[in-house]
Amino acid sequence: MSALEVIGLLFCLYLLWSIVSALFNLLYTCYLGNALGRSINVKKLGSWAVVTGATDGIGRAYAEELARKGLNIVLISRSLFKLQNVAREIGKFWMPFSTILP
């Protein structure tokens, strides 16, 4: 084998290892961790959570999930109108006694 072939083989092995590692991490995070009782109990970390960017995308998903798990949430956003709408929606489904401040 030439040096170039060895470098190519090592690179292919590295890519294969990266893909297998990422797949294992995904499966462990989504399925195996919960099944083995290794998930994080967010209630043990505290009763409050602050979520920035809570009106769209990942911030909104975090806010909804943390509310579903029973945490009190402080929502932060740049748009007051969108913030009030999201707070109302989250409060309707997951927090029966929510308070929306102007």
PDB file of N, CA and C in Angstrom:
ATOM      1  N   MET A   1       0.835  -1.181   0.000  1.00  0.00           N
ATOM      2  CA  MET A   1       0.000   0.000   0.000  1.00  0.00           C
ATOM      3  C   MET A   1       0.881   1.246   0.000  1.00  0.00           C
ATOM      4  N   SER A   2       0.458   2.198  -0.781  1.00  0.00           N
ATOM      5  CA  SER A   2       1.200   3.448  -0.806  1.00  0.00           C
ATOM      6  C   SER A   2       0.738   4.336   0.350  1.00  0.00           C
ATOM      7  N   ALA A   3       1.474   5.398   0.587  1.00  0.00           N
ATOM      8  CA  ALA A   3       1.154   6.322   1.674  1.00  0.00           C
ATOM      9  C   ALA A   3      -0.198   6.989   1.426  1.00  0.00           C
ATOM     10  N   LEU A   4      -0.500   7.298   0.189  1.00  0.00           N
ATOM     11  CA  LEU A   4      -1.766   7.928  -0.142  1.00  0.00           C
ATOM     12  C   LEU A   4      -2.940   6.991   0.144  1.00  0.00           C
ATOM     13  N   GLU A   5      -2.772   5.714  -0.134  1.00  0.00           N
ATOM     14  CA  GLU A   5      -3.819   4.736   0.157  1.00  0.00           C
ATOM     15  C   GLU A   5      -4.042   4.595   1.670  1.00  0.00           C
ATOM     16  N   VAL A   6      -2.961   4.630   2.430  1.00  0.00           N
ATOM     17  CA  VAL A   6      -3.073   4.537   3.888  1.00  0.00           C
ATOM     18  C   VAL A   6      -3.811   5.754   4.439  1.00  0.00           C
ATOM     19  N   ILE A   7      -3.480   6.937   3.936  1.00  0.00           N
ATOM     20  CA  ILE A   7      -4.156   8.155   4.372  1.00  0.00           C
ATOM     21  C   ILE A   7      -5.643   8.087   4.006  1.00  0.00           C
ATOM     22  N   GLY A   8      -5.954   7.624   2.824  1.00  0.00           N
ATOM     23  CA  GLY A   8      -7.349   7.480   2.396  1.00  0.00           C
ATOM     24  C   GLY A   8      -8.107   6.486   3.276  1.00  0.00           C
ATOM     25  N   LEU A   9      -7.463   5.374   3.602  1.00  0.00           N
ATOM     26  CA  LEU A   9      -8.083   4.373   4.460  1.00  0.00           C
ATOM     27  C   LEU A   9      -8.337   4.933   5.855  1.00  0.00           C
ATOM     28  N   LEU A  10      -7.355   5.630   6.406  1.00  0.00           N
ATOM     29  CA  LEU A  10      -7.525   6.235   7.726  1.00  0.00           C
ATOM     30  C   LEU A  10      -8.643   7.276   7.727  1.00  0.00           C
ATOM     31  N   PHE A  11      -8.718   8.049   6.661  1.00  0.00           N
ATOM     32  CA  PHE A  11      -9.781   9.050   6.558  1.00  0.00           C
ATOM     33  C   PHE A  11     -11.154   8.391   6.479  1.00  0.00           C
ATOM     34  N   CYS A  12     -11.273   7.333   5.701  1.00  0.00           N
ATOM     35  CA  CYS A  12     -12.545   6.598   5.603  1.00  0.00           C
ATOM     36  C   CYS A  12     -12.938   5.988   6.946  1.00  0.00           C
ATOM     37  N   LEU A  13     -11.966   5.444   7.673  1.00  0.00           N
ATOM     38  CA  LEU A  13     -12.246   4.891   8.998  1.00  0.00           C
ATOM     39  C   LEU A  13     -12.699   5.983   9.964  1.00  0.00           C
ATOM     40  N   TYR A  14     -12.075   7.145   9.871  1.00  0.00           N
ATOM     41  CA  TYR A  14     -12.475   8.277  10.710  1.00  0.00           C
ATOM     42  C   TYR A  14     -13.911   8.693  10.403  1.00  0.00           C
ATOM     43  N   LEU A  15     -14.275   8.789   9.120  1.00  0.00           N
ATOM     44  CA  LEU A  15     -15.638   9.154   8.750  1.00  0.00           C
ATOM     45  C   LEU A  15     -16.640   8.114   9.229  1.00  0.00           C
ATOM     46  N   LEU A  16     -16.302   6.850   9.069  1.00  0.00           N
ATOM     47  CA  LEU A  16     -17.176   5.779   9.525  1.00  0.00           C
ATOM     48  C   LEU A  16     -17.376   5.847  11.036  1.00  0.00           C
ATOM     49  N   TRP A  17     -16.284   6.063  11.781  1.00  0.00           N
ATOM     50  CA  TRP A  17     -16.373   6.184  13.230  1.00  0.00           C
ATOM     51  C   TRP A  17     -17.232   7.389  13.634  1.00  0.00           C
ATOM     52  N   SER A  18     -17.089   8.498  12.938  1.00  0.00           N
ATOM     53  CA  SER A  18     -17.877   9.686  13.238  1.00  0.00           C
ATOM     54  C   SER A  18     -19.370   9.436  13.029  1.00  0.00           C
ATOM     55  N   ILE A  19     -19.710   8.756  11.950  1.00  0.00           N
ATOM     56  CA  ILE A  19     -21.111   8.471  11.650  1.00  0.00           C
ATOM     57  C   ILE A  19     -21.697   7.505  12.681  1.00  0.00           C
ATOM     58  N   VAL A  20     -20.961   6.451  13.008  1.00  0.00           N
ATOM     59  CA  VAL A  20     -21.435   5.478  13.991  1.00  0.00           C
ATOM     60  C   VAL A  20     -21.577   6.132  15.359  1.00  0.00           C
ATOM     61  N   SER A  21     -20.628   6.963  15.733  1.00  0.00           N
ATOM     62  CA  SER A  21     -20.681   7.654  17.011  1.00  0.00           C
ATOM     63  C   SER A  21     -21.877   8.601  17.082  1.00  0.00           C
ATOM     64  N   ALA A  22     -22.127   9.356  16.038  1.00  0.00           N
ATOM     65  CA  ALA A  22     -23.263  10.278  16.007  1.00  0.00           C
ATOM     66  C   ALA A  22     -24.587   9.512  16.066  1.00  0.00           C
ATOM     67  N   LEU A  23     -24.672   8.402  15.371  1.00  0.00           N
ATOM     68  CA  LEU A  23     -25.878   7.587  15.393  1.00  0.00           C
ATOM     69  C   LEU A  23     -26.128   7.007  16.784  1.00  0.00           C
ATOM     70  N   PHE A  24     -25.076   6.526  17.437  1.00  0.00           N
ATOM     71  CA  PHE A  24     -25.215   5.997  18.793  1.00  0.00           C
ATOM     72  C   PHE A  24     -25.662   7.094  19.757  1.00  0.00           C
ATOM     73  N   ASN A  25     -25.061   8.271  19.658  1.00  0.00           N
ATOM     74  CA  ASN A  25     -25.455   9.388  20.529  1.00  0.00           C
ATOM     75  C   ASN A  25     -26.918   9.760  20.325  1.00  0.00           C
ATOM     76  N   LEU A  26     -27.366   9.760  19.087  1.00  0.00           N
ATOM     77  CA  LEU A  26     -28.758  10.067  18.784  1.00  0.00           C
ATOM     78  C   LEU A  26     -29.686   9.026  19.397  1.00  0.00           C
ATOM     79  N   LEU A  27     -29.383   7.757  19.184  1.00  0.00           N
ATOM     80  CA  LEU A  27     -30.220   6.688  19.730  1.00  0.00           C
ATOM     81  C   LEU A  27     -30.215   6.697  21.254  1.00  0.00           C
ATOM     82  N   TYR A  28     -29.065   6.933  21.848  1.00  0.00           N
ATOM     83  CA  TYR A  28     -28.979   6.955  23.305  1.00  0.00           C
ATOM     84  C   TYR A  28     -29.770   8.125  23.884  1.00  0.00           C
ATOM     85  N   THR A  29     -29.623   9.282  23.264  1.00  0.00           N
ATOM     86  CA  THR A  29     -30.309  10.470  23.757  1.00  0.00           C
ATOM     87  C   THR A  29     -31.819  10.340  23.629  1.00  0.00           C
ATOM     88  N   CYS A  30     -32.281   9.817  22.511  1.00  0.00           N
ATOM     89  CA  CYS A  30     -33.721   9.764  22.262  1.00  0.00           C
ATOM     90  C   CYS A  30     -34.409   8.553  22.875  1.00  0.00           C
ATOM     91  N   TYR A  31     -33.739   7.400  22.896  1.00  0.00           N
ATOM     92  CA  TYR A  31     -34.428   6.179  23.286  1.00  0.00           C
ATOM     93  C   TYR A  31     -33.775   5.433  24.450  1.00  0.00           C
ATOM     94  N   LEU A  32     -32.515   5.097  24.319  1.00  0.00           N
ATOM     95  CA  LEU A  32     -31.873   4.235  25.307  1.00  0.00           C
ATOM     96  C   LEU A  32     -31.721   4.903  26.666  1.00  0.00           C
ATOM     97  N   GLY A  33     -31.410   6.176  26.708  1.00  0.00           N
ATOM     98  CA  GLY A  33     -31.227   6.874  27.978  1.00  0.00           C
ATOM     99  C   GLY A  33     -32.486   6.851  28.829  1.00  0.00           C
ATOM    100  N   ASN A  34     -33.622   7.124  28.202  1.00  0.00           N
ATOM    101  CA  ASN A  34     -34.887   7.079  28.938  1.00  0.00           C
ATOM    102  C   ASN A  34     -35.226   5.667  29.373  1.00  0.00           C
ATOM    103  N   ALA A  35     -34.992   4.697  28.513  1.00  0.00           N
ATOM    104  CA  ALA A  35     -35.305   3.304  28.844  1.00  0.00           C
ATOM    105  C   ALA A  35     -34.442   2.790  29.994  1.00  0.00           C
ATOM    106  N   LEU A  36     -33.213   3.270  30.091  1.00  0.00           N
ATOM    107  CA  LEU A  36     -32.310   2.827  31.156  1.00  0.00           C
ATOM    108  C   LEU A  36     -32.408   3.685  32.410  1.00  0.00           C
ATOM    109  N   GLY A  37     -33.308   4.670  32.416  1.00  0.00           N
ATOM    110  CA  GLY A  37     -33.473   5.538  33.574  1.00  0.00           C
ATOM    111  C   GLY A  37     -32.371   6.569  33.717  1.00  0.00           C
ATOM    112  N   ARG A  38     -31.734   6.927  32.637  1.00  0.00           N
ATOM    113  CA  ARG A  38     -30.628   7.893  32.671  1.00  0.00           C
ATOM    114  C   ARG A  38     -31.045   9.283  32.220  1.00  0.00           C
ATOM    115  N   SER A  39     -32.332   9.552  32.138  1.00  0.00           N
ATOM    116  CA  SER A  39     -32.764  10.879  31.713  1.00  0.00           C
ATOM    117  C   SER A  39     -32.634  11.865  32.874  1.00  0.00           C
ATOM    118  N   ILE A  40     -32.575  13.135  32.538  1.00  0.00           N
ATOM    119  CA  ILE A  40     -32.404  14.179  33.543  1.00  0.00           C
ATOM    120  C   ILE A  40     -33.769  14.560  34.097  1.00  0.00           C
ATOM    121  N   ASN A  41     -33.881  14.582  35.405  1.00  0.00           N
ATOM    122  CA  ASN A  41     -35.094  15.053  36.061  1.00  0.00           C
ATOM    123  C   ASN A  41     -34.943  16.555  36.278  1.00  0.00           C
ATOM    124  N   VAL A  42     -35.591  17.333  35.435  1.00  0.00           N
ATOM    125  CA  VAL A  42     -35.405  18.779  35.488  1.00  0.00           C
ATOM    126  C   VAL A  42     -35.986  19.387  36.755  1.00  0.00           C
ATOM    127  N   LYS A  43     -36.937  18.733  37.387  1.00  0.00           N
ATOM    128  CA  LYS A  43     -37.506  19.252  38.637  1.00  0.00           C
ATOM    129  C   LYS A  43     -36.468  19.274  39.757  1.00  0.00           C
ATOM    130  N   LYS A  44     -35.467  18.377  39.695  1.00  0.00           N
ATOM    131  CA  LYS A  44     -34.409  18.373  40.702  1.00  0.00           C
ATOM    132  C   LYS A  44     -33.461  19.559  40.547  1.00  0.00           C
ATOM    133  N   LEU A  45     -33.424  20.134  39.360  1.00  0.00           N
ATOM    134  CA  LEU A  45     -32.530  21.263  39.096  1.00  0.00           C
ATOM    135  C   LEU A  45     -33.106  22.583  39.592  1.00  0.00           C
ATOM    136  N   GLY A  46     -34.385  22.617  39.866  1.00  0.00           N
ATOM    137  CA  GLY A  46     -35.045  23.824  40.341  1.00  0.00           C
ATOM    138  C   GLY A  46     -36.462  23.879  39.829  1.00  0.00           C
ATOM    139  N   SER A  47     -37.235  24.816  40.337  1.00  0.00           N
ATOM    140  CA  SER A  47     -38.638  24.892  39.929  1.00  0.00           C
ATOM    141  C   SER A  47     -38.879  25.960  38.861  1.00  0.00           C
ATOM    142  N   TRP A  48     -37.851  26.755  38.541  1.00  0.00           N
ATOM    143  CA  TRP A  48     -37.988  27.816  37.561  1.00  0.00           C
ATOM    144  C   TRP A  48     -37.034  27.629  36.394  1.00  0.00           C
ATOM    145  N   ALA A  49     -37.465  28.083  35.223  1.00  0.00           N
ATOM    146  CA  ALA A  49     -36.619  28.070  34.031  1.00  0.00           C
ATOM    147  C   ALA A  49     -36.807  29.396  33.297  1.00  0.00           C
ATOM    148  N   VAL A  50     -35.727  29.935  32.754  1.00  0.00           N
ATOM    149  CA  VAL A  50     -35.773  31.145  31.942  1.00  0.00           C
ATOM    150  C   VAL A  50     -35.498  30.731  30.503  1.00  0.00           C
ATOM    151  N   VAL A  51     -36.398  31.106  29.599  1.00  0.00           N
ATOM    152  CA  VAL A  51     -36.250  30.749  28.187  1.00  0.00           C
ATOM    153  C   VAL A  51     -36.192  32.029  27.376  1.00  0.00           C
ATOM    154  N   THR A  52     -35.079  32.251  26.703  1.00  0.00           N
ATOM    155  CA  THR A  52     -34.944  33.419  25.835  1.00  0.00           C
ATOM    156  C   THR A  52     -35.301  33.022  24.407  1.00  0.00           C
ATOM    157  N   GLY A  53     -35.788  33.968  23.647  1.00  0.00           N
ATOM    158  CA  GLY A  53     -36.211  33.665  22.282  1.00  0.00           C
ATOM    159  C   GLY A  53     -37.399  32.721  22.283  1.00  0.00           C
ATOM    160  N   ALA A  54     -38.322  32.935  23.202  1.00  0.00           N
ATOM    161  CA  ALA A  54     -39.383  31.966  23.472  1.00  0.00           C
ATOM    162  C   ALA A  54     -40.555  32.027  22.509  1.00  0.00           C
ATOM    163  N   THR A  55     -40.533  32.906  21.517  1.00  0.00           N
ATOM    164  CA  THR A  55     -41.692  33.027  20.634  1.00  0.00           C
ATOM    165  C   THR A  55     -41.570  32.216  19.353  1.00  0.00           C
ATOM    166  N   ASP A  56     -40.385  31.765  19.011  1.00  0.00           N
ATOM    167  CA  ASP A  56     -40.201  31.013  17.768  1.00  0.00           C
ATOM    168  C   ASP A  56     -39.184  29.899  17.948  1.00  0.00           C
ATOM    169  N   GLY A  57     -39.276  28.916  17.089  1.00  0.00           N
ATOM    170  CA  GLY A  57     -38.244  27.901  16.938  1.00  0.00           C
ATOM    171  C   GLY A  57     -37.893  27.110  18.179  1.00  0.00           C
ATOM    172  N   ILE A  58     -36.597  26.992  18.410  1.00  0.00           N
ATOM    173  CA  ILE A  58     -36.088  26.168  19.498  1.00  0.00           C
ATOM    174  C   ILE A  58     -36.496  26.725  20.855  1.00  0.00           C
ATOM    175  N   GLY A  59     -36.479  28.035  21.016  1.00  0.00           N
ATOM    176  CA  GLY A  59     -36.869  28.643  22.284  1.00  0.00           C
ATOM    177  C   GLY A  59     -38.301  28.304  22.651  1.00  0.00           C
ATOM    178  N   ARG A  60     -39.186  28.353  21.680  1.00  0.00           N
ATOM    179  CA  ARG A  60     -40.594  28.009  21.940  1.00  0.00           C
ATOM    180  C   ARG A  60     -40.728  26.528  22.277  1.00  0.00           C
ATOM    181  N   ALA A  61     -40.010  25.684  21.572  1.00  0.00           N
ATOM    182  CA  ALA A  61     -40.068  24.248  21.860  1.00  0.00           C
ATOM    183  C   ALA A  61     -39.559  23.953  23.266  1.00  0.00           C
ATOM    184  N   TYR A  62     -38.476  24.623  23.666  1.00  0.00           N
ATOM    185  CA  TYR A  62     -37.971  24.453  25.034  1.00  0.00           C
ATOM    186  C   TYR A  62     -39.018  24.904  26.050  1.00  0.00           C
ATOM    187  N   ALA A  63     -39.638  26.047  25.812  1.00  0.00           N
ATOM    188  CA  ALA A  63     -40.638  26.564  26.741  1.00  0.00           C
ATOM    189  C   ALA A  63     -41.803  25.597  26.889  1.00  0.00           C
ATOM    190  N   GLU A  64     -42.277  25.070  25.776  1.00  0.00           N
ATOM    191  CA  GLU A  64     -43.389  24.122  25.825  1.00  0.00           C
ATOM    192  C   GLU A  64     -43.008  22.840  26.559  1.00  0.00           C
ATOM    193  N   GLU A  65     -41.830  22.334  26.291  1.00  0.00           N
ATOM    194  CA  GLU A  65     -41.399  21.085  26.929  1.00  0.00           C
ATOM    195  C   GLU A  65     -41.166  21.271  28.426  1.00  0.00           C
ATOM    196  N   LEU A  66     -40.563  22.378  28.816  1.00  0.00           N
ATOM    197  CA  LEU A  66     -40.337  22.624  30.239  1.00  0.00           C
ATOM    198  C   LEU A  66     -41.659  22.838  30.972  1.00  0.00           C
ATOM    199  N   ALA A  67     -42.620  23.486  30.322  1.00  0.00           N
ATOM    200  CA  ALA A  67     -43.939  23.651  30.931  1.00  0.00           C
ATOM    201  C   ALA A  67     -44.632  22.296  31.061  1.00  0.00           C
ATOM    202  N   ARG A  68     -44.472  21.456  30.055  1.00  0.00           N
ATOM    203  CA  ARG A  68     -45.060  20.116  30.103  1.00  0.00           C
ATOM    204  C   ARG A  68     -44.482  19.313  31.265  1.00  0.00           C
ATOM    205  N   LYS A  69     -43.221  19.557  31.590  1.00  0.00           N
ATOM    206  CA  LYS A  69     -42.583  18.845  32.698  1.00  0.00           C
ATOM    207  C   LYS A  69     -42.905  19.470  34.054  1.00  0.00           C
ATOM    208  N   GLY A  70     -43.673  20.563  34.075  1.00  0.00           N
ATOM    209  CA  GLY A  70     -44.163  21.143  35.309  1.00  0.00           C
ATOM    210  C   GLY A  70     -43.334  22.268  35.897  1.00  0.00           C
ATOM    211  N   LEU A  71     -42.427  22.852  35.135  1.00  0.00           N
ATOM    212  CA  LEU A  71     -41.628  23.956  35.650  1.00  0.00           C
ATOM    213  C   LEU A  71     -42.343  25.284  35.465  1.00  0.00           C
ATOM    214  N   ASN A  72     -42.055  26.227  36.353  1.00  0.00           N
ATOM    215  CA  ASN A  72     -42.489  27.606  36.176  1.00  0.00           C
ATOM    216  C   ASN A  72     -41.531  28.237  35.171  1.00  0.00           C
ATOM    217  N   ILE A  73     -42.069  29.013  34.248  1.00  0.00           N
ATOM    218  CA  ILE A  73     -41.243  29.519  33.152  1.00  0.00           C
ATOM    219  C   ILE A  73     -41.303  31.032  33.072  1.00  0.00           C
ATOM    220  N   VAL A  74     -40.142  31.643  32.872  1.00  0.00           N
ATOM    221  CA  VAL A  74     -40.045  33.064  32.550  1.00  0.00           C
ATOM    222  C   VAL A  74     -39.700  33.133  31.069  1.00  0.00           C
ATOM    223  N   LEU A  75     -40.601  33.706  30.279  1.00  0.00           N
ATOM    224  CA  LEU A  75     -40.404  33.809  28.838  1.00  0.00           C
ATOM    225  C   LEU A  75     -39.828  35.174  28.499  1.00  0.00           C
ATOM    226  N   ILE A  76     -38.820  35.193  27.632  1.00  0.00           N
ATOM    227  CA  ILE A  76     -38.184  36.440  27.212  1.00  0.00           C
ATOM    228  C   ILE A  76     -38.182  36.479  25.692  1.00  0.00           C
ATOM    229  N   SER A  77     -38.604  37.627  25.154  1.00  0.00           N
ATOM    230  CA  SER A  77     -38.632  37.800  23.705  1.00  0.00           C
ATOM    231  C   SER A  77     -38.533  39.279  23.375  1.00  0.00           C
ATOM    232  N   ARG A  78     -38.217  39.574  22.128  1.00  0.00           N
ATOM    233  CA  ARG A  78     -38.127  40.974  21.701  1.00  0.00           C
ATOM    234  C   ARG A  78     -39.495  41.563  21.373  1.00  0.00           C
ATOM    235  N   SER A  79     -40.438  40.711  20.984  1.00  0.00           N
ATOM    236  CA  SER A  79     -41.759  41.176  20.564  1.00  0.00           C
ATOM    237  C   SER A  79     -42.785  40.892  21.662  1.00  0.00           C
ATOM    238  N   LEU A  80     -43.356  41.940  22.225  1.00  0.00           N
ATOM    239  CA  LEU A  80     -44.320  41.795  23.309  1.00  0.00           C
ATOM    240  C   LEU A  80     -45.583  41.093  22.822  1.00  0.00           C
ATOM    241  N   PHE A  81     -46.065  41.443  21.635  1.00  0.00           N
ATOM    242  CA  PHE A  81     -47.282  40.836  21.099  1.00  0.00           C
ATOM    243  C   PHE A  81     -47.116  39.329  20.927  1.00  0.00           C
ATOM    244  N   LYS A  82     -46.024  38.911  20.299  1.00  0.00           N
ATOM    245  CA  LYS A  82     -45.774  37.476  20.112  1.00  0.00           C
ATOM    246  C   LYS A  82     -45.578  36.778  21.454  1.00  0.00           C
ATOM    247  N   LEU A  83     -44.916  37.461  22.378  1.00  0.00           N
ATOM    248  CA  LEU A  83     -44.672  36.891  23.695  1.00  0.00           C
ATOM    249  C   LEU A  83     -45.983  36.630  24.432  1.00  0.00           C
ATOM    250  N   GLN A  84     -46.902  37.575  24.373  1.00  0.00           N
ATOM    251  CA  GLN A  84     -48.192  37.392  25.037  1.00  0.00           C
ATOM    252  C   GLN A  84     -48.977  36.246  24.408  1.00  0.00           C
ATOM    253  N   ASN A  85     -48.928  36.115  23.088  1.00  0.00           N
ATOM    254  CA  ASN A  85     -49.629  35.012  22.418  1.00  0.00           C
ATOM    255  C   ASN A  85     -49.057  33.660  22.823  1.00  0.00           C
ATOM    256  N   VAL A  86     -47.734  33.555  22.835  1.00  0.00           N
ATOM    257  CA  VAL A  86     -47.102  32.284  23.210  1.00  0.00           C
ATOM    258  C   VAL A  86     -47.381  31.962  24.672  1.00  0.00           C
ATOM    259  N   ALA A  87     -47.327  32.960  25.537  1.00  0.00           N
ATOM    260  CA  ALA A  87     -47.597  32.728  26.961  1.00  0.00           C
ATOM    261  C   ALA A  87     -49.030  32.238  27.159  1.00  0.00           C
ATOM    262  N   ARG A  88     -49.971  32.828  26.417  1.00  0.00           N
ATOM    263  CA  ARG A  88     -51.359  32.395  26.507  1.00  0.00           C
ATOM    264  C   ARG A  88     -51.514  30.950  26.044  1.00  0.00           C
ATOM    265  N   GLU A  89     -50.878  30.606  24.926  1.00  0.00           N
ATOM    266  CA  GLU A  89     -50.983  29.248  24.392  1.00  0.00           C
ATOM    267  C   GLU A  89     -50.369  28.221  25.337  1.00  0.00           C
ATOM    268  N   ILE A  90     -49.190  28.514  25.847  1.00  0.00           N
ATOM    269  CA  ILE A  90     -48.539  27.591  26.764  1.00  0.00           C
ATOM    270  C   ILE A  90     -49.342  27.481  28.060  1.00  0.00           C
ATOM    271  N   GLY A  91     -49.828  28.602  28.555  1.00  0.00           N
ATOM    272  CA  GLY A  91     -50.607  28.597  29.787  1.00  0.00           C
ATOM    273  C   GLY A  91     -51.920  27.829  29.655  1.00  0.00           C
ATOM    274  N   LYS A  92     -52.517  27.874  28.470  1.00  0.00           N
ATOM    275  CA  LYS A  92     -53.774  27.188  28.237  1.00  0.00           C
ATOM    276  C   LYS A  92     -53.625  25.671  28.352  1.00  0.00           C
ATOM    277  N   PHE A  93     -52.525  25.148  27.834  1.00  0.00           N
ATOM    278  CA  PHE A  93     -52.371  23.705  27.758  1.00  0.00           C
ATOM    279  C   PHE A  93     -51.609  23.101  28.932  1.00  0.00           C
ATOM    280  N   TRP A  94     -50.623  23.827  29.484  1.00  0.00           N
ATOM    281  CA  TRP A  94     -49.748  23.189  30.459  1.00  0.00           C
ATOM    282  C   TRP A  94     -49.753  23.840  31.833  1.00  0.00           C
ATOM    283  N   MET A  95     -50.179  25.073  31.940  1.00  0.00           N
ATOM    284  CA  MET A  95     -50.162  25.747  33.237  1.00  0.00           C
ATOM    285  C   MET A  95     -51.537  26.369  33.470  1.00  0.00           C
ATOM    286  N   PRO A  96     -52.406  25.715  34.207  1.00  0.00           N
ATOM    287  CA  PRO A  96     -53.773  26.215  34.341  1.00  0.00           C
ATOM    288  C   PRO A  96     -53.884  27.559  35.045  1.00  0.00           C
ATOM    289  N   PHE A  97     -52.942  27.937  35.881  1.00  0.00           N
ATOM    290  CA  PHE A  97     -53.020  29.197  36.611  1.00  0.00           C
ATOM    291  C   PHE A  97     -51.859  30.119  36.242  1.00  0.00           C
ATOM    292  N   SER A  98     -51.673  30.355  34.961  1.00  0.00           N
ATOM    293  CA  SER A  98     -50.549  31.183  34.529  1.00  0.00           C
ATOM    294  C   SER A  98     -50.893  32.671  34.646  1.00  0.00           C
ATOM    295  N   THR A  99     -49.859  33.460  34.796  1.00  0.00           N
ATOM    296  CA  THR A  99     -50.017  34.906  34.872  1.00  0.00           C
ATOM    297  C   THR A  99     -49.256  35.518  33.718  1.00  0.00           C
ATOM    298  N   ILE A 100     -49.908  36.374  32.969  1.00  0.00           N
ATOM    299  CA  ILE A 100     -49.262  37.053  31.851  1.00  0.00           C
ATOM    300  C   ILE A 100     -49.130  38.522  32.222  1.00  0.00           C
ATOM    301  N   LEU A 101     -47.919  38.978  32.332  1.00  0.00           N
ATOM    302  CA  LEU A 101     -47.662  40.370  32.693  1.00  0.00           C
ATOM    303  C   LEU A 101     -47.557  41.207  31.424  1.00  0.00           C
ATOM    304  N   PRO A 102     -48.056  42.439  31.450  1.00  0.00           N
ATOM    305  CA  PRO A 102     -47.958  43.303  30.256  1.00  0.00           C
ATOM    306  C   PRO A 102     -46.543  43.774  29.998  1.00  0.00           C
TER     307      PRO A 102
END
